[in-house]
Amino acid sequence: MSKNDYNAVFYETLSIEKDKDITKLKYQDIEEWDSIGHMSLVSNLEDKFQISFETDDIVDFSSYSKGIEILKKYKVEIK
């Protein structure tokens, strides 16, 4: 999968301007990535990549980069 697909989910779900660097973004760094935003992000990633996160992975999904790491577990390579 394309990094653009992954990024698009972040930009759209968390209402981030497309010119912002999100690669160092962490949970609760911005107001939009609160607990509700987190569940929306997880849900939209599940829809986009046709996977279902385990509960532990939802809890561990604490940053942009951690999300890429977790997706590898589900055979989703972000390139």
N, C-alpha and C. Protein backbone atom coordinates (compact mmCIF):
# COMPACT_ATOMS: atom_id res chain seq x y z
N MET A 1 0.83 -1.17 0.00
CA MET A 1 0.00 0.00 0.00
C MET A 1 0.89 1.24 0.00
N SER A 2 0.32 2.27 -0.49
CA SER A 2 1.04 3.52 -0.61
C SER A 2 1.03 4.30 0.70
N LYS A 3 2.13 4.98 0.96
CA LYS A 3 2.19 5.86 2.13
C LYS A 3 1.14 6.97 1.97
N ASN A 4 0.83 7.32 0.72
CA ASN A 4 -0.20 8.33 0.48
C ASN A 4 -1.56 7.87 1.00
N ASP A 5 -1.87 6.58 0.87
CA ASP A 5 -3.13 6.04 1.39
C ASP A 5 -3.17 6.16 2.91
N TYR A 6 -2.08 5.79 3.54
CA TYR A 6 -1.97 5.85 5.00
C TYR A 6 -2.08 7.31 5.46
N ASN A 7 -1.32 8.18 4.81
CA ASN A 7 -1.36 9.60 5.17
C ASN A 7 -2.74 10.19 4.99
N ALA A 8 -3.41 9.83 3.91
CA ALA A 8 -4.75 10.38 3.62
C ALA A 8 -5.72 10.08 4.76
N VAL A 9 -5.61 8.90 5.35
CA VAL A 9 -6.49 8.55 6.46
C VAL A 9 -6.22 9.48 7.65
N PHE A 10 -4.96 9.75 7.93
CA PHE A 10 -4.62 10.69 9.01
C PHE A 10 -5.14 12.08 8.71
N TYR A 11 -4.83 12.59 7.51
CA TYR A 11 -5.23 13.95 7.16
C TYR A 11 -6.75 14.12 7.23
N GLU A 12 -7.47 13.17 6.66
CA GLU A 12 -8.93 13.29 6.61
C GLU A 12 -9.58 13.06 7.97
N THR A 13 -9.16 12.02 8.67
CA THR A 13 -9.78 11.67 9.94
C THR A 13 -9.54 12.72 11.00
N LEU A 14 -8.32 13.23 11.04
CA LEU A 14 -7.95 14.17 12.10
C LEU A 14 -8.00 15.63 11.64
N SER A 15 -8.54 15.86 10.44
CA SER A 15 -8.70 17.23 9.90
C SER A 15 -7.39 18.02 9.94
N ILE A 16 -6.35 17.39 9.42
CA ILE A 16 -5.03 18.02 9.38
C ILE A 16 -4.81 18.57 7.98
N GLU A 17 -4.25 19.77 7.90
CA GLU A 17 -3.94 20.36 6.60
C GLU A 17 -2.87 19.52 5.91
N LYS A 18 -3.04 19.34 4.61
CA LYS A 18 -2.17 18.44 3.85
C LYS A 18 -0.70 18.88 3.79
N ASP A 19 -0.44 20.13 4.09
CA ASP A 19 0.95 20.60 4.05
C ASP A 19 1.68 20.40 5.38
N LYS A 20 1.00 19.86 6.38
CA LYS A 20 1.62 19.61 7.69
C LYS A 20 2.37 18.27 7.67
N ASP A 21 3.52 18.26 8.33
CA ASP A 21 4.29 17.02 8.48
C ASP A 21 3.67 16.20 9.61
N ILE A 22 3.19 15.01 9.28
CA ILE A 22 2.54 14.17 10.28
C ILE A 22 3.42 13.00 10.72
N THR A 23 4.60 12.88 10.18
CA THR A 23 5.44 11.70 10.43
C THR A 23 5.89 11.56 11.88
N LYS A 24 5.87 12.65 12.64
CA LYS A 24 6.27 12.58 14.06
C LYS A 24 5.07 12.74 14.99
N LEU A 25 3.87 12.70 14.42
CA LEU A 25 2.64 12.90 15.19
C LEU A 25 2.42 11.76 16.18
N LYS A 26 2.04 12.13 17.41
CA LYS A 26 1.74 11.16 18.46
C LYS A 26 0.35 11.40 19.01
N TYR A 27 -0.20 10.35 19.59
CA TYR A 27 -1.51 10.42 20.22
C TYR A 27 -1.56 11.59 21.19
N GLN A 28 -2.57 12.39 21.08
CA GLN A 28 -2.85 13.57 21.90
C GLN A 28 -1.88 14.73 21.67
N ASP A 29 -1.07 14.67 20.61
CA ASP A 29 -0.24 15.82 20.23
C ASP A 29 -1.12 16.96 19.74
N ILE A 30 -2.22 16.61 19.11
CA ILE A 30 -3.17 17.60 18.62
C ILE A 30 -4.54 17.30 19.21
N GLU A 31 -5.34 18.34 19.29
CA GLU A 31 -6.67 18.20 19.90
C GLU A 31 -7.53 17.14 19.21
N GLU A 32 -7.41 17.04 17.90
CA GLU A 32 -8.23 16.10 17.14
C GLU A 32 -7.90 14.63 17.42
N TRP A 33 -6.67 14.36 17.87
CA TRP A 33 -6.31 12.97 18.16
C TRP A 33 -6.50 12.70 19.64
N ASP A 34 -7.77 12.78 20.05
CA ASP A 34 -8.17 12.40 21.39
C ASP A 34 -8.72 10.98 21.32
N SER A 35 -9.40 10.53 22.35
CA SER A 35 -9.89 9.14 22.35
C SER A 35 -10.91 8.89 21.25
N ILE A 36 -11.76 9.87 20.97
CA ILE A 36 -12.75 9.70 19.90
C ILE A 36 -12.05 9.73 18.54
N GLY A 37 -11.14 10.66 18.37
CA GLY A 37 -10.37 10.72 17.13
C GLY A 37 -9.57 9.45 16.91
N HIS A 38 -9.07 8.89 18.00
CA HIS A 38 -8.28 7.66 17.92
C HIS A 38 -9.14 6.51 17.37
N MET A 39 -10.34 6.37 17.91
CA MET A 39 -11.21 5.28 17.44
C MET A 39 -11.65 5.51 16.00
N SER A 40 -11.85 6.76 15.62
CA SER A 40 -12.19 7.07 14.22
C SER A 40 -11.02 6.73 13.30
N LEU A 41 -9.81 7.06 13.75
CA LEU A 41 -8.62 6.75 12.97
C LEU A 41 -8.47 5.25 12.79
N VAL A 42 -8.63 4.50 13.86
CA VAL A 42 -8.53 3.04 13.80
C VAL A 42 -9.59 2.49 12.84
N SER A 43 -10.81 2.95 12.99
CA SER A 43 -11.90 2.46 12.14
C SER A 43 -11.64 2.77 10.67
N ASN A 44 -11.17 3.97 10.38
CA ASN A 44 -10.91 4.34 8.99
C ASN A 44 -9.73 3.57 8.40
N LEU A 45 -8.73 3.28 9.22
CA LEU A 45 -7.61 2.45 8.74
C LEU A 45 -8.08 1.02 8.48
N GLU A 46 -8.92 0.50 9.36
CA GLU A 46 -9.47 -0.84 9.14
C GLU A 46 -10.25 -0.89 7.83
N ASP A 47 -11.05 0.12 7.58
CA ASP A 47 -11.82 0.16 6.33
C ASP A 47 -10.91 0.28 5.12
N LYS A 48 -9.94 1.18 5.20
CA LYS A 48 -9.04 1.44 4.07
C LYS A 48 -8.24 0.20 3.70
N PHE A 49 -7.72 -0.51 4.71
CA PHE A 49 -6.84 -1.64 4.45
C PHE A 49 -7.51 -3.00 4.63
N GLN A 50 -8.82 -2.99 4.88
CA GLN A 50 -9.62 -4.20 5.00
C GLN A 50 -9.02 -5.18 6.01
N ILE A 51 -8.80 -4.66 7.22
CA ILE A 51 -8.27 -5.45 8.32
C ILE A 51 -9.12 -5.19 9.55
N SER A 52 -8.83 -5.91 10.62
CA SER A 52 -9.50 -5.68 11.90
C SER A 52 -8.43 -5.72 13.00
N PHE A 53 -8.20 -4.57 13.64
CA PHE A 53 -7.19 -4.49 14.69
C PHE A 53 -7.61 -5.28 15.92
N GLU A 54 -6.65 -5.92 16.55
CA GLU A 54 -6.87 -6.53 17.85
C GLU A 54 -6.84 -5.41 18.90
N THR A 55 -7.49 -5.63 20.02
CA THR A 55 -7.58 -4.62 21.07
C THR A 55 -6.22 -4.12 21.50
N ASP A 56 -5.26 -5.01 21.69
CA ASP A 56 -3.92 -4.61 22.11
C ASP A 56 -3.27 -3.66 21.11
N ASP A 57 -3.53 -3.88 19.82
CA ASP A 57 -2.96 -3.03 18.79
C ASP A 57 -3.61 -1.64 18.80
N ILE A 58 -4.89 -1.59 19.09
CA ILE A 58 -5.57 -0.30 19.20
C ILE A 58 -4.96 0.52 20.34
N VAL A 59 -4.71 -0.13 21.44
CA VAL A 59 -4.11 0.53 22.61
C VAL A 59 -2.67 0.96 22.31
N ASP A 60 -1.93 0.10 21.62
CA ASP A 60 -0.52 0.37 21.32
C ASP A 60 -0.32 1.41 20.23
N PHE A 61 -1.35 1.70 19.45
CA PHE A 61 -1.26 2.64 18.33
C PHE A 61 -1.14 4.05 18.90
N SER A 62 0.09 4.43 19.20
CA SER A 62 0.34 5.69 19.91
C SER A 62 0.98 6.78 19.07
N SER A 63 1.31 6.45 17.83
CA SER A 63 1.95 7.44 16.97
C SER A 63 1.80 7.04 15.50
N TYR A 64 2.10 7.98 14.65
CA TYR A 64 2.10 7.73 13.20
C TYR A 64 3.00 6.54 12.87
N SER A 65 4.23 6.58 13.37
CA SER A 65 5.19 5.51 13.06
C SER A 65 4.80 4.18 13.68
N LYS A 66 4.23 4.21 14.88
CA LYS A 66 3.77 2.96 15.52
C LYS A 66 2.65 2.34 14.69
N GLY A 67 1.82 3.16 14.08
CA GLY A 67 0.76 2.65 13.22
C GLY A 67 1.31 1.85 12.04
N ILE A 68 2.37 2.36 11.44
CA ILE A 68 3.01 1.65 10.32
C ILE A 68 3.54 0.30 10.81
N GLU A 69 4.15 0.30 11.97
CA GLU A 69 4.69 -0.93 12.56
C GLU A 69 3.56 -1.94 12.82
N ILE A 70 2.46 -1.48 13.38
CA ILE A 70 1.33 -2.36 13.68
C ILE A 70 0.72 -2.92 12.39
N LEU A 71 0.61 -2.09 11.36
CA LEU A 71 0.02 -2.56 10.10
C LEU A 71 0.82 -3.70 9.50
N LYS A 72 2.13 -3.72 9.70
CA LYS A 72 2.96 -4.81 9.18
C LYS A 72 2.50 -6.16 9.73
N LYS A 73 2.03 -6.15 10.96
CA LYS A 73 1.52 -7.37 11.59
C LYS A 73 0.34 -7.94 10.80
N TYR A 74 -0.39 -7.06 10.13
CA TYR A 74 -1.57 -7.46 9.36
C TYR A 74 -1.24 -7.58 7.87
N LYS A 75 0.05 -7.68 7.56
CA LYS A 75 0.53 -7.85 6.19
C LYS A 75 0.26 -6.63 5.32
N VAL A 76 0.19 -5.46 5.94
CA VAL A 76 0.04 -4.21 5.20
C VAL A 76 1.38 -3.48 5.26
N GLU A 77 2.06 -3.41 4.13
CA GLU A 77 3.34 -2.72 4.04
C GLU A 77 3.08 -1.33 3.49
N ILE A 78 3.50 -0.31 4.23
CA ILE A 78 3.36 1.06 3.80
C ILE A 78 4.68 1.47 3.15
N LYS A 79 4.61 1.76 1.85
CA LYS A 79 5.83 2.11 1.09
C LYS A 79 5.72 3.50 0.55
